[in-house]
Structures are given as C-alpha cells and as structure tokens.
Amino acid sequence: MNKDLITICDLETDEIQAVIALTGERKRLLKNGKAHRPLSGKSVALVFEKSSTRTRVSFEVGVHQMGGHPVYLSSSDSQMSRGEVIPDTARVLSRYVDAIVIRAFRHEDVVELARWATVPVINALTDLAHPCQVLADIFTIVERGRNLKDLRVAYIGDGNNVANSWVNAASVLGFELAIACPPGYEPAQEVLAEALSRAKGKIKVEHDPEAAARGAQVLYTDVWVSMGQDKEALERRQAFKGYQVNHQIIQLAAPGALIMHCLPAHRGEEITEDALEGKNSVVFDQAENRLHLQKAILEIMLAKNSSRVFNP
C-alpha cells in the first residue's frame, strides 16, 4: 500500500481485496467482544475543516478501539485557519503523530499535505473524492453476498466527490458503473478520463436515470445540495427533479437490488422515505461499516509488521 490514501486509485485491486477481508475479520472480532489494539502507543491527528458526523465519530472511535489516541483539530483549532502554510503544518504534525486523517474543502490541499508529511495521510473527504466512504460501501456490498466481478452499480444524482470515488473504484475493480445525472452535473472530467483509460466500456455517464437503473444490483444516491452549495440550492433542486431513487426506479433494477446512500439524506428529494427504510436498504450498514473499514486501513498503515495483515 502507498504511504497515503488520497483516492481509491492509490490502491491496487489486491490491496482493496485485502482491506475488505481484514474489515470483515475485525468487524467479527469486535462483535464477539474481543479487544484488538494494534495502535497501542500511537496517535492519529483528525484535521477537520468541514463539519462531520459519521466520518469524525467513526475515525475517533476506531482509533480509540484499536488502543490509539485520536487528536481532533477543527478549523478553529488549527493554525492553518490563521494562515500557516500547509508544508509547515504537515512537517510539524509528522513530528507529533503517527498518521493524519484530514477532511478538507480543497482536494489539492490534501495532496500538498501528503507531499510534505512523513506519516500516512488519509483523505476523509475533499471536494473531489471520498475514498473511505466508497471503500466501506464496497465492503457492505460484498458483505451482502454480491460478487464484484458481476456487479452493476447505478449511481443516480449529483456527480460529486462520492460519484468520483465510485468512478475510481470501478476503474480499479472492474465492475460495471452507470452514472445518471443532469447535464452539467457530471463527475469530474479528469477523474472520468483516467478511469476510462483503465476500464473502457465498464463506466458510463448518461442523463437518463431509468436507463442507468435497469438491471442494477445496487442503486446509489447522494444529496442534491452538498455542504458549501447552499447558494445553489434552488437551482440544484430544479435541475435534479426526476433523479430520485424511488419505487419506480427500484422496479427497474435487478430483483433484490441494494439501496445505498452515504448520508445525511434529504428524504423526499434524492430518495423517498420508503426506499430509504425499505427491506433492501443497507444505508445504516454502510454507516456502521465506515468504522470497521477505516480501522482496517489504519491497521494496515500503522500496525507493527503491517505487511502481515494481508495474510493474517
């Protein structure tokens, strides 16, 4: 594994498979009430420029459960908010902690932090990518018995950071991905271009949600208006009418298709209440699995003899 996890493309196929396998093992261990503290004596900085529920709590609790010490820094706690440059912050934190988890507005800031840091840096969300979320989603899909080789995922909605990470995942793992979004709201062109060069024919971006949903084993969506887009809310709600996971869309998918949403959800906008709470919804499994997946990543990156976790 690379020193850092900035996008899913930092991982090879076998590395993702190893992370997924370890996630399952550690989840079972926790459910059986057995302590596992591979991060004993280690500290992890949690640098959060943006507000968070699932990401912050899952990382903070995960580090604690593994015997490590989480150090939370909000935007007001860090000197970066007062003009300290990223290279200085990266080099100083590297002298104090064993890893840096960062949730930032600008993807390029995380890239720069990783360039200057001498400890692993994990992207906990940027405007371009949300790798931990989608890796946890992939674990959830595997946990539910789906085969990634034969998988068809339909992502319906905004071509945002989560959609970009789904594009990255499809390019590495080779499953089929159909993204349906309104014109002008497609995933990032640079992400698509790189992915299509690796996985031609497997990734399709279109504007018809019904076409994307047909035969899909997974239906996935996210909010129409993300953090920092409040001024665009009215325009976005108009643009995304019809891009909703609802009963009609579900009927077009494969029987038993998993319904997924990374949360928080705006019920009645991107997803209906009955879809979110239906029998095929795994939304809260996704949320829980953030904890287990991120613990696996941290263990691989930080635990002593970490090379052995691929063959525990």
C-alpha atoms as a PDB file:
ATOM      1  CA  MET A   1       0.000   0.000   0.000  1.00  0.00           C
ATOM      2  CA  ASN A   2       1.153   3.546  -0.721  1.00  0.00           C
ATOM      3  CA  LYS A   3       2.083   5.749   2.218  1.00  0.00           C
ATOM      4  CA  ASP A   4      -1.143   7.711   1.735  1.00  0.00           C
ATOM      5  CA  LEU A   5      -4.783   7.105   0.799  1.00  0.00           C
ATOM      6  CA  ILE A   6      -5.879  10.167  -1.163  1.00  0.00           C
ATOM      7  CA  THR A   7      -8.084   8.438  -3.744  1.00  0.00           C
ATOM      8  CA  ILE A   8      -9.076   4.832  -4.333  1.00  0.00           C
ATOM      9  CA  CYS A   9      -6.650   4.809  -7.263  1.00  0.00           C
ATOM     10  CA  ASP A  10      -3.845   4.780  -4.684  1.00  0.00           C
ATOM     11  CA  LEU A  11      -4.776   1.129  -4.122  1.00  0.00           C
ATOM     12  CA  GLU A  12      -4.293  -1.897  -6.345  1.00  0.00           C
ATOM     13  CA  THR A  13      -7.042  -4.491  -6.772  1.00  0.00           C
ATOM     14  CA  ASP A  14      -5.376  -6.974  -4.421  1.00  0.00           C
ATOM     15  CA  GLU A  15      -4.876  -4.260  -1.803  1.00  0.00           C
ATOM     16  CA  ILE A  16      -8.583  -3.405  -1.845  1.00  0.00           C
ATOM     17  CA  GLN A  17      -9.386  -7.094  -1.515  1.00  0.00           C
ATOM     18  CA  ALA A  18      -7.013  -7.329   1.468  1.00  0.00           C
ATOM     19  CA  VAL A  19      -8.641  -4.294   3.110  1.00  0.00           C
ATOM     20  CA  ILE A  20     -12.114  -5.796   2.550  1.00  0.00           C
ATOM     21  CA  ALA A  21     -11.015  -9.140   4.027  1.00  0.00           C
ATOM     22  CA  LEU A  22      -9.423  -7.511   7.073  1.00  0.00           C
ATOM     23  CA  THR A  23     -12.509  -5.331   7.586  1.00  0.00           C
ATOM     24  CA  GLY A  24     -14.680  -8.424   7.831  1.00  0.00           C
ATOM     25  CA  GLU A  25     -12.299 -10.123  10.265  1.00  0.00           C
ATOM     26  CA  ARG A  26     -12.029  -7.104  12.544  1.00  0.00           C
ATOM     27  CA  LYS A  27     -15.779  -6.495  12.464  1.00  0.00           C
ATOM     28  CA  ARG A  28     -16.391 -10.069  13.597  1.00  0.00           C
ATOM     29  CA  LEU A  29     -13.769  -9.676  16.315  1.00  0.00           C
ATOM     30  CA  LEU A  30     -15.494  -6.572  17.676  1.00  0.00           C
ATOM     31  CA  LYS A  31     -18.929  -8.212  17.537  1.00  0.00           C
ATOM     32  CA  ASN A  32     -17.521 -11.115  19.562  1.00  0.00           C
ATOM     33  CA  GLY A  33     -16.357  -8.682  22.218  1.00  0.00           C
ATOM     34  CA  LYS A  34     -12.652  -9.315  21.684  1.00  0.00           C
ATOM     35  CA  ALA A  35     -10.265  -6.400  22.084  1.00  0.00           C
ATOM     36  CA  HIS A  36      -7.698  -5.754  19.378  1.00  0.00           C
ATOM     37  CA  ARG A  37      -5.281  -2.879  19.972  1.00  0.00           C
ATOM     38  CA  PRO A  38      -2.678  -2.741  17.195  1.00  0.00           C
ATOM     39  CA  LEU A  39      -2.342   1.053  17.579  1.00  0.00           C
ATOM     40  CA  SER A  40      -1.312   0.981  21.231  1.00  0.00           C
ATOM     41  CA  GLY A  41       1.044   3.893  21.850  1.00  0.00           C
ATOM     42  CA  LYS A  42       0.187   5.615  18.556  1.00  0.00           C
ATOM     43  CA  SER A  43      -1.596   8.935  17.956  1.00  0.00           C
ATOM     44  CA  VAL A  44      -3.684   9.968  14.953  1.00  0.00           C
ATOM     45  CA  ALA A  45      -4.481  13.598  14.109  1.00  0.00           C
ATOM     46  CA  LEU A  46      -8.027  14.191  12.867  1.00  0.00           C
ATOM     47  CA  VAL A  47      -7.912  17.509  10.984  1.00  0.00           C
ATOM     48  CA  PHE A  48     -11.443  18.574  10.044  1.00  0.00           C
ATOM     49  CA  GLU A  49     -12.090  21.778   8.111  1.00  0.00           C
ATOM     50  CA  LYS A  50     -15.700  20.698   7.455  1.00  0.00           C
ATOM     51  CA  SER A  51     -18.393  19.522   9.835  1.00  0.00           C
ATOM     52  CA  SER A  52     -18.971  15.802  10.158  1.00  0.00           C
ATOM     53  CA  THR A  53     -20.994  13.188  11.997  1.00  0.00           C
ATOM     54  CA  ARG A  54     -20.147   9.739  10.629  1.00  0.00           C
ATOM     55  CA  THR A  55     -16.597  10.429   9.481  1.00  0.00           C
ATOM     56  CA  ARG A  56     -15.418  12.104  12.655  1.00  0.00           C
ATOM     57  CA  VAL A  57     -17.086   9.690  15.062  1.00  0.00           C
ATOM     58  CA  SER A  58     -16.068   6.559  13.153  1.00  0.00           C
ATOM     59  CA  PHE A  59     -12.419   7.607  12.959  1.00  0.00           C
ATOM     60  CA  GLU A  60     -12.268   8.853  16.546  1.00  0.00           C
ATOM     61  CA  VAL A  61     -13.943   5.758  17.976  1.00  0.00           C
ATOM     62  CA  GLY A  62     -11.951   3.484  15.676  1.00  0.00           C
ATOM     63  CA  VAL A  63      -8.594   4.852  16.782  1.00  0.00           C
ATOM     64  CA  HIS A  64      -9.677   4.528  20.426  1.00  0.00           C
ATOM     65  CA  GLN A  65     -10.898   0.936  19.964  1.00  0.00           C
ATOM     66  CA  MET A  66      -7.500  -0.002  18.487  1.00  0.00           C
ATOM     67  CA  GLY A  67      -5.693   1.406  21.504  1.00  0.00           C
ATOM     68  CA  GLY A  68      -4.525   4.615  19.852  1.00  0.00           C
ATOM     69  CA  HIS A  69      -5.052   8.250  20.786  1.00  0.00           C
ATOM     70  CA  PRO A  70      -7.148  10.437  18.441  1.00  0.00           C
ATOM     71  CA  VAL A  71      -6.282  14.162  18.391  1.00  0.00           C
ATOM     72  CA  TYR A  72      -9.167  16.160  16.926  1.00  0.00           C
ATOM     73  CA  LEU A  73      -8.427  19.537  15.308  1.00  0.00           C
ATOM     74  CA  SER A  74     -11.300  21.607  13.922  1.00  0.00           C
ATOM     75  CA  SER A  75     -10.696  24.519  11.559  1.00  0.00           C
ATOM     76  CA  SER A  76     -10.671  26.894  14.545  1.00  0.00           C
ATOM     77  CA  ASP A  77      -8.141  24.719  16.414  1.00  0.00           C
ATOM     78  CA  SER A  78      -5.528  24.654  13.677  1.00  0.00           C
ATOM     79  CA  GLN A  79      -3.144  27.474  12.816  1.00  0.00           C
ATOM     80  CA  MET A  80      -3.907  26.805   9.143  1.00  0.00           C
ATOM     81  CA  SER A  81      -7.055  28.848   9.676  1.00  0.00           C
ATOM     82  CA  ARG A  82      -4.782  31.789  10.593  1.00  0.00           C
ATOM     83  CA  GLY A  83      -2.518  31.468   7.584  1.00  0.00           C
ATOM     84  CA  GLU A  84       0.067  28.835   8.486  1.00  0.00           C
ATOM     85  CA  VAL A  85       1.111  27.187   5.238  1.00  0.00           C
ATOM     86  CA  ILE A  86       0.359  23.515   4.615  1.00  0.00           C
ATOM     87  CA  PRO A  87       4.008  22.364   4.339  1.00  0.00           C
ATOM     88  CA  ASP A  88       4.729  23.722   7.823  1.00  0.00           C
ATOM     89  CA  THR A  89       1.645  22.090   9.320  1.00  0.00           C
ATOM     90  CA  ALA A  90       2.438  18.772   7.640  1.00  0.00           C
ATOM     91  CA  ARG A  91       6.013  18.667   8.886  1.00  0.00           C
ATOM     92  CA  VAL A  92       5.125  19.685  12.437  1.00  0.00           C
ATOM     93  CA  LEU A  93       2.252  17.195  12.771  1.00  0.00           C
ATOM     94  CA  SER A  94       4.520  14.475  11.392  1.00  0.00           C
ATOM     95  CA  ARG A  95       6.812  15.033  14.397  1.00  0.00           C
ATOM     96  CA  TYR A  96       3.896  14.546  16.823  1.00  0.00           C
ATOM     97  CA  VAL A  97       1.558  11.899  15.415  1.00  0.00           C
ATOM     98  CA  ASP A  98       1.729   8.611  13.533  1.00  0.00           C
ATOM     99  CA  ALA A  99      -0.919   9.443  10.894  1.00  0.00           C
ATOM    100  CA  ILE A 100      -3.057  12.343   9.722  1.00  0.00           C
ATOM    101  CA  VAL A 101      -6.720  11.996   8.760  1.00  0.00           C
ATOM    102  CA  ILE A 102      -7.935  15.134   7.011  1.00  0.00           C
ATOM    103  CA  ARG A 103     -11.347  16.349   5.840  1.00  0.00           C
ATOM    104  CA  ALA A 104     -10.833  19.439   3.694  1.00  0.00           C
ATOM    105  CA  PHE A 105     -12.600  21.705   1.256  1.00  0.00           C
ATOM    106  CA  ARG A 106      -9.881  21.612  -1.407  1.00  0.00           C
ATOM    107  CA  HIS A 107      -8.504  18.332  -2.732  1.00  0.00           C
ATOM    108  CA  GLU A 108      -5.234  19.977  -3.700  1.00  0.00           C
ATOM    109  CA  ASP A 109      -4.658  20.920  -0.049  1.00  0.00           C
ATOM    110  CA  VAL A 110      -4.770  17.259   0.959  1.00  0.00           C
ATOM    111  CA  VAL A 111      -2.399  16.361  -1.881  1.00  0.00           C
ATOM    112  CA  GLU A 112       0.030  19.021  -0.688  1.00  0.00           C
ATOM    113  CA  LEU A 113      -0.268  17.914   2.934  1.00  0.00           C
ATOM    114  CA  ALA A 114       0.557  14.341   1.914  1.00  0.00           C
ATOM    115  CA  ARG A 115       3.527  15.550  -0.141  1.00  0.00           C
ATOM    116  CA  TRP A 116       5.114  17.234   2.881  1.00  0.00           C
ATOM    117  CA  ALA A 117       4.043  14.828   5.621  1.00  0.00           C
ATOM    118  CA  THR A 118       6.353  11.981   6.585  1.00  0.00           C
ATOM    119  CA  VAL A 119       3.499   9.970   8.128  1.00  0.00           C
ATOM    120  CA  PRO A 120       0.497   8.436   6.322  1.00  0.00           C
ATOM    121  CA  VAL A 121      -2.254  10.825   5.259  1.00  0.00           C
ATOM    122  CA  ILE A 122      -5.832   9.573   4.810  1.00  0.00           C
ATOM    123  CA  ASN A 123      -8.407  11.575   2.870  1.00  0.00           C
ATOM    124  CA  ALA A 124     -11.585  11.782   4.954  1.00  0.00           C
ATOM    125  CA  LEU A 125     -13.379  13.821   2.231  1.00  0.00           C
ATOM    126  CA  THR A 126     -12.488  16.600  -0.183  1.00  0.00           C
ATOM    127  CA  ASP A 127     -14.386  18.373  -2.924  1.00  0.00           C
ATOM    128  CA  LEU A 128     -13.024  15.760  -5.378  1.00  0.00           C
ATOM    129  CA  ALA A 129     -13.033  12.430  -3.554  1.00  0.00           C
ATOM    130  CA  HIS A 130     -14.399  10.462  -0.608  1.00  0.00           C
ATOM    131  CA  PRO A 131     -12.448   7.185  -0.748  1.00  0.00           C
ATOM    132  CA  CYS A 132     -13.205   5.855   2.738  1.00  0.00           C
ATOM    133  CA  GLN A 133     -16.933   6.150   2.115  1.00  0.00           C
ATOM    134  CA  VAL A 134     -16.893   4.174  -1.121  1.00  0.00           C
ATOM    135  CA  LEU A 135     -14.493   1.540   0.204  1.00  0.00           C
ATOM    136  CA  ALA A 136     -16.889   0.986   3.104  1.00  0.00           C
ATOM    137  CA  ASP A 137     -19.750   0.796   0.610  1.00  0.00           C
ATOM    138  CA  ILE A 138     -17.895  -1.857  -1.377  1.00  0.00           C
ATOM    139  CA  PHE A 139     -17.354  -3.848   1.814  1.00  0.00           C
ATOM    140  CA  THR A 140     -21.096  -3.568   2.516  1.00  0.00           C
ATOM    141  CA  ILE A 141     -21.901  -4.900  -0.950  1.00  0.00           C
ATOM    142  CA  VAL A 142     -19.512  -7.846  -0.505  1.00  0.00           C
ATOM    143  CA  GLU A 143     -20.868  -8.473   2.986  1.00  0.00           C
ATOM    144  CA  ARG A 144     -24.321  -8.821   1.449  1.00  0.00           C
ATOM    145  CA  GLY A 145     -23.054 -11.606  -0.811  1.00  0.00           C
ATOM    146  CA  ARG A 146     -22.676  -9.688  -4.070  1.00  0.00           C
ATOM    147  CA  ASN A 147     -19.855 -10.632  -6.450  1.00  0.00           C
ATOM    148  CA  LEU A 148     -17.838  -7.632  -7.570  1.00  0.00           C
ATOM    149  CA  LYS A 149     -16.911  -9.304 -10.865  1.00  0.00           C
ATOM    150  CA  ASP A 150     -20.563  -9.437 -11.965  1.00  0.00           C
ATOM    151  CA  LEU A 151     -21.682  -6.239 -10.267  1.00  0.00           C
ATOM    152  CA  ARG A 152     -23.639  -3.432 -11.901  1.00  0.00           C
ATOM    153  CA  VAL A 153     -23.943  -0.249  -9.846  1.00  0.00           C
ATOM    154  CA  ALA A 154     -26.271   2.594 -10.780  1.00  0.00           C
ATOM    155  CA  TYR A 155     -25.432   5.960  -9.239  1.00  0.00           C
ATOM    156  CA  ILE A 156     -28.285   8.448  -9.648  1.00  0.00           C
ATOM    157  CA  GLY A 157     -27.819  12.115  -8.798  1.00  0.00           C
ATOM    158  CA  ASP A 158     -25.009  14.603  -8.439  1.00  0.00           C
ATOM    159  CA  GLY A 159     -21.624  13.785  -9.972  1.00  0.00           C
ATOM    160  CA  ASN A 160     -19.906  14.868  -6.764  1.00  0.00           C
ATOM    161  CA  ASN A 161     -16.970  13.603  -4.715  1.00  0.00           C
ATOM    162  CA  VAL A 162     -18.759  10.352  -3.877  1.00  0.00           C
ATOM    163  CA  ALA A 163     -19.566   9.765  -7.547  1.00  0.00           C
ATOM    164  CA  ASN A 164     -15.914  10.453  -8.408  1.00  0.00           C
ATOM    165  CA  SER A 165     -14.826   7.813  -5.917  1.00  0.00           C
ATOM    166  CA  TRP A 166     -17.274   5.332  -7.421  1.00  0.00           C
ATOM    167  CA  VAL A 167     -15.665   6.032 -10.800  1.00  0.00           C
ATOM    168  CA  ASN A 168     -12.243   5.398  -9.262  1.00  0.00           C
ATOM    169  CA  ALA A 169     -13.436   2.163  -7.662  1.00  0.00           C
ATOM    170  CA  ALA A 170     -14.945   0.851 -10.904  1.00  0.00           C
ATOM    171  CA  SER A 171     -11.718   1.602 -12.755  1.00  0.00           C
ATOM    172  CA  VAL A 172      -9.638  -0.381 -10.242  1.00  0.00           C
ATOM    173  CA  LEU A 173     -12.017  -3.273  -9.550  1.00  0.00           C
ATOM    174  CA  GLY A 174     -13.580  -3.599 -12.993  1.00  0.00           C
ATOM    175  CA  PHE A 175     -17.286  -3.722 -12.124  1.00  0.00           C
ATOM    176  CA  GLU A 176     -19.909  -2.004 -14.260  1.00  0.00           C
ATOM    177  CA  LEU A 177     -20.933   1.516 -13.245  1.00  0.00           C
ATOM    178  CA  ALA A 178     -23.717   3.639 -14.732  1.00  0.00           C
ATOM    179  CA  ILE A 179     -23.993   7.228 -13.532  1.00  0.00           C
ATOM    180  CA  ALA A 180     -27.128   9.239 -14.301  1.00  0.00           C
ATOM    181  CA  CYS A 181     -27.006  12.961 -13.633  1.00  0.00           C
ATOM    182  CA  PRO A 182     -28.418  16.143 -15.164  1.00  0.00           C
ATOM    183  CA  PRO A 183     -26.358  17.835 -17.888  1.00  0.00           C
ATOM    184  CA  GLY A 184     -23.677  19.978 -16.287  1.00  0.00           C
ATOM    185  CA  TYR A 185     -23.515  17.899 -13.103  1.00  0.00           C
ATOM    186  CA  GLU A 186     -21.323  15.050 -14.342  1.00  0.00           C
ATOM    187  CA  PRO A 187     -18.343  13.657 -12.402  1.00  0.00           C
ATOM    188  CA  ALA A 188     -15.017  15.460 -12.771  1.00  0.00           C
ATOM    189  CA  GLN A 189     -13.658  15.180 -16.307  1.00  0.00           C
ATOM    190  CA  GLU A 190     -10.121  14.395 -15.149  1.00  0.00           C
ATOM    191  CA  VAL A 191     -11.417  11.544 -12.980  1.00  0.00           C
ATOM    192  CA  LEU A 192     -13.507  10.153 -15.836  1.00  0.00           C
ATOM    193  CA  ALA A 193     -10.708  10.424 -18.368  1.00  0.00           C
ATOM    194  CA  GLU A 194      -8.280   8.478 -16.195  1.00  0.00           C
ATOM    195  CA  ALA A 195     -10.890   5.871 -15.310  1.00  0.00           C
ATOM    196  CA  LEU A 196     -11.990   5.295 -18.898  1.00  0.00           C
ATOM    197  CA  SER A 197      -8.404   4.767 -19.940  1.00  0.00           C
ATOM    198  CA  ARG A 198      -8.231   1.904 -17.423  1.00  0.00           C
ATOM    199  CA  ALA A 199     -11.729   0.452 -17.726  1.00  0.00           C
ATOM    200  CA  LYS A 200     -13.178   1.143 -21.154  1.00  0.00           C
ATOM    201  CA  GLY A 201     -16.762   0.009 -21.565  1.00  0.00           C
ATOM    202  CA  LYS A 202     -17.327  -0.513 -17.858  1.00  0.00           C
ATOM    203  CA  ILE A 203     -18.158   3.070 -16.894  1.00  0.00           C
ATOM    204  CA  LYS A 204     -20.977   5.043 -18.493  1.00  0.00           C
ATOM    205  CA  VAL A 205     -22.270   8.530 -17.755  1.00  0.00           C
ATOM    206  CA  GLU A 206     -25.744   9.337 -19.043  1.00  0.00           C
ATOM    207  CA  HIS A 207     -28.692  11.598 -18.334  1.00  0.00           C
ATOM    208  CA  ASP A 208     -31.489   9.002 -18.107  1.00  0.00           C
ATOM    209  CA  PRO A 209     -31.902   7.582 -14.582  1.00  0.00           C
ATOM    210  CA  GLU A 210     -34.186   4.812 -15.793  1.00  0.00           C
ATOM    211  CA  ALA A 211     -31.591   3.578 -18.285  1.00  0.00           C
ATOM    212  CA  ALA A 212     -28.926   3.591 -15.567  1.00  0.00           C
ATOM    213  CA  ALA A 213     -31.147   1.675 -13.139  1.00  0.00           C
ATOM    214  CA  ARG A 214     -32.130  -1.177 -15.449  1.00  0.00           C
ATOM    215  CA  GLY A 215     -30.656  -4.431 -14.204  1.00  0.00           C
ATOM    216  CA  ALA A 216     -28.536  -2.791 -11.490  1.00  0.00           C
ATOM    217  CA  GLN A 217     -27.717  -4.818  -8.386  1.00  0.00           C
ATOM    218  CA  VAL A 218     -27.008  -1.600  -6.479  1.00  0.00           C
ATOM    219  CA  LEU A 219     -28.900   1.706  -6.586  1.00  0.00           C
ATOM    220  CA  TYR A 220     -26.910   4.529  -5.029  1.00  0.00           C
ATOM    221  CA  THR A 221     -27.632   8.201  -4.463  1.00  0.00           C
ATOM    222  CA  ASP A 222     -26.443  11.241  -2.519  1.00  0.00           C
ATOM    223  CA  VAL A 223     -27.844  14.655  -1.634  1.00  0.00           C
ATOM    224  CA  TRP A 224     -28.574  17.176  -4.363  1.00  0.00           C
ATOM    225  CA  VAL A 225     -27.149  20.048  -2.327  1.00  0.00           C
ATOM    226  CA  SER A 226     -23.853  19.336  -0.551  1.00  0.00           C
ATOM    227  CA  MET A 227     -22.011  21.378   2.073  1.00  0.00           C
ATOM    228  CA  GLY A 228     -20.979  24.744   0.690  1.00  0.00           C
ATOM    229  CA  GLN A 229     -23.611  24.726  -2.085  1.00  0.00           C
ATOM    230  CA  ASP A 230     -26.441  26.427  -0.204  1.00  0.00           C
ATOM    231  CA  LYS A 231     -26.499  29.392  -2.605  1.00  0.00           C
ATOM    232  CA  GLU A 232     -27.189  26.936  -5.455  1.00  0.00           C
ATOM    233  CA  ALA A 233     -29.941  25.070  -3.591  1.00  0.00           C
ATOM    234  CA  LEU A 234     -32.935  26.300  -5.610  1.00  0.00           C
ATOM    235  CA  GLU A 235     -31.159  25.839  -8.947  1.00  0.00           C
ATOM    236  CA  ARG A 236     -29.988  22.374  -7.998  1.00  0.00           C
ATOM    237  CA  ARG A 237     -33.396  21.198  -6.813  1.00  0.00           C
ATOM    238  CA  GLN A 238     -34.840  22.243 -10.160  1.00  0.00           C
ATOM    239  CA  ALA A 239     -32.076  20.504 -12.111  1.00  0.00           C
ATOM    240  CA  PHE A 240     -32.322  17.223 -10.176  1.00  0.00           C
ATOM    241  CA  LYS A 241     -36.073  16.700 -10.415  1.00  0.00           C
ATOM    242  CA  GLY A 242     -36.513  13.171 -11.724  1.00  0.00           C
ATOM    243  CA  TYR A 243     -33.162  11.973 -10.359  1.00  0.00           C
ATOM    244  CA  GLN A 244     -34.637  10.270  -7.348  1.00  0.00           C
ATOM    245  CA  VAL A 245     -34.342   6.717  -6.023  1.00  0.00           C
ATOM    246  CA  ASN A 246     -37.970   5.743  -5.603  1.00  0.00           C
ATOM    247  CA  HIS A 247     -40.348   2.822  -6.171  1.00  0.00           C
ATOM    248  CA  GLN A 248     -40.418   3.310  -9.945  1.00  0.00           C
ATOM    249  CA  ILE A 249     -36.623   3.281 -10.230  1.00  0.00           C
ATOM    250  CA  ILE A 250     -36.307   0.305  -7.888  1.00  0.00           C
ATOM    251  CA  GLN A 251     -38.714  -1.672 -10.072  1.00  0.00           C
ATOM    252  CA  LEU A 252     -36.301  -1.294 -12.983  1.00  0.00           C
ATOM    253  CA  ALA A 253     -33.324  -2.641 -11.042  1.00  0.00           C
ATOM    254  CA  ALA A 254     -32.445  -6.298 -10.539  1.00  0.00           C
ATOM    255  CA  PRO A 255     -34.589  -8.187  -8.008  1.00  0.00           C
ATOM    256  CA  GLY A 256     -33.285  -7.586  -4.502  1.00  0.00           C
ATOM    257  CA  ALA A 257     -31.134  -4.630  -5.554  1.00  0.00           C
ATOM    258  CA  LEU A 258     -29.379  -2.977  -2.628  1.00  0.00           C
ATOM    259  CA  ILE A 259     -30.431   0.598  -1.889  1.00  0.00           C
ATOM    260  CA  MET A 260     -27.497   2.743  -0.766  1.00  0.00           C
ATOM    261  CA  HIS A 261     -26.993   6.308   0.413  1.00  0.00           C
ATOM    262  CA  CYS A 262     -23.906   7.730   2.143  1.00  0.00           C
ATOM    263  CA  LEU A 263     -25.974  10.013   4.437  1.00  0.00           C
ATOM    264  CA  PRO A 264     -27.090  12.510   5.533  1.00  0.00           C
ATOM    265  CA  ALA A 265     -30.253  12.037   3.476  1.00  0.00           C
ATOM    266  CA  HIS A 266     -32.881  14.548   2.438  1.00  0.00           C
ATOM    267  CA  ARG A 267     -35.922  12.301   2.342  1.00  0.00           C
ATOM    268  CA  GLY A 268     -38.294  13.263  -0.427  1.00  0.00           C
ATOM    269  CA  GLU A 269     -35.539  14.774  -2.564  1.00  0.00           C
ATOM    270  CA  GLU A 270     -32.844  12.348  -3.778  1.00  0.00           C
ATOM    271  CA  ILE A 271     -34.548   9.344  -2.118  1.00  0.00           C
ATOM    272  CA  THR A 272     -38.024   8.563  -0.883  1.00  0.00           C
ATOM    273  CA  GLU A 273     -38.835   7.525   2.657  1.00  0.00           C
ATOM    274  CA  ASP A 274     -39.996   4.060   1.593  1.00  0.00           C
ATOM    275  CA  ALA A 275     -36.812   3.455  -0.403  1.00  0.00           C
ATOM    276  CA  LEU A 276     -34.550   4.525   2.448  1.00  0.00           C
ATOM    277  CA  GLU A 277     -36.433   2.442   5.012  1.00  0.00           C
ATOM    278  CA  GLY A 278     -37.268  -0.477   2.713  1.00  0.00           C
ATOM    279  CA  LYS A 279     -36.203  -4.095   3.162  1.00  0.00           C
ATOM    280  CA  ASN A 280     -33.372  -3.797   0.632  1.00  0.00           C
ATOM    281  CA  SER A 281     -31.882  -0.635   2.145  1.00  0.00           C
ATOM    282  CA  VAL A 282     -28.391  -1.105   3.588  1.00  0.00           C
ATOM    283  CA  VAL A 283     -27.913   2.567   4.380  1.00  0.00           C
ATOM    284  CA  PHE A 284     -27.230   2.109   8.085  1.00  0.00           C
ATOM    285  CA  ASP A 285     -24.982  -0.876   7.432  1.00  0.00           C
ATOM    286  CA  GLN A 286     -22.929   1.453   5.237  1.00  0.00           C
ATOM    287  CA  ALA A 287     -22.688   3.950   8.059  1.00  0.00           C
ATOM    288  CA  GLU A 288     -21.587   1.318  10.568  1.00  0.00           C
ATOM    289  CA  ASN A 289     -19.068  -0.169   8.172  1.00  0.00           C
ATOM    290  CA  ARG A 290     -17.214   3.138   7.933  1.00  0.00           C
ATOM    291  CA  LEU A 291     -15.910   2.310  11.418  1.00  0.00           C
ATOM    292  CA  HIS A 292     -14.678  -1.161  10.518  1.00  0.00           C
ATOM    293  CA  LEU A 293     -13.234  -0.242   7.122  1.00  0.00           C
ATOM    294  CA  GLN A 294     -11.297   2.741   8.427  1.00  0.00           C
ATOM    295  CA  LYS A 295      -9.904   0.664  11.283  1.00  0.00           C
ATOM    296  CA  ALA A 296      -8.620  -1.841   8.721  1.00  0.00           C
ATOM    297  CA  ILE A 297      -6.925   0.907   6.713  1.00  0.00           C
ATOM    298  CA  LEU A 298      -5.295   2.371   9.813  1.00  0.00           C
ATOM    299  CA  GLU A 299      -4.115  -1.054  10.929  1.00  0.00           C
ATOM    300  CA  ILE A 300      -2.530  -1.816   7.584  1.00  0.00           C
ATOM    301  CA  MET A 301      -0.834   1.569   7.511  1.00  0.00           C
ATOM    302  CA  LEU A 302       0.304   1.769  11.129  1.00  0.00           C
ATOM    303  CA  ALA A 303       0.428  -1.580  12.895  1.00  0.00           C
ATOM    304  CA  LYS A 304       3.767  -3.226  13.563  1.00  0.00           C
ATOM    305  CA  ASN A 305       4.570  -5.899  10.981  1.00  0.00           C
ATOM    306  CA  SER A 306       1.754  -4.430   8.925  1.00  0.00           C
ATOM    307  CA  SER A 307       2.820  -6.439   5.878  1.00  0.00           C
ATOM    308  CA  ARG A 308       1.421  -9.470   7.664  1.00  0.00           C
ATOM    309  CA  VAL A 309      -2.144  -8.160   7.736  1.00  0.00           C
ATOM    310  CA  PHE A 310      -2.556  -9.118   4.111  1.00  0.00           C
ATOM    311  CA  ASN A 311      -2.089 -12.757   5.234  1.00  0.00           C
ATOM    312  CA  PRO A 312      -3.190 -12.741   8.876  1.00  0.00           C
END
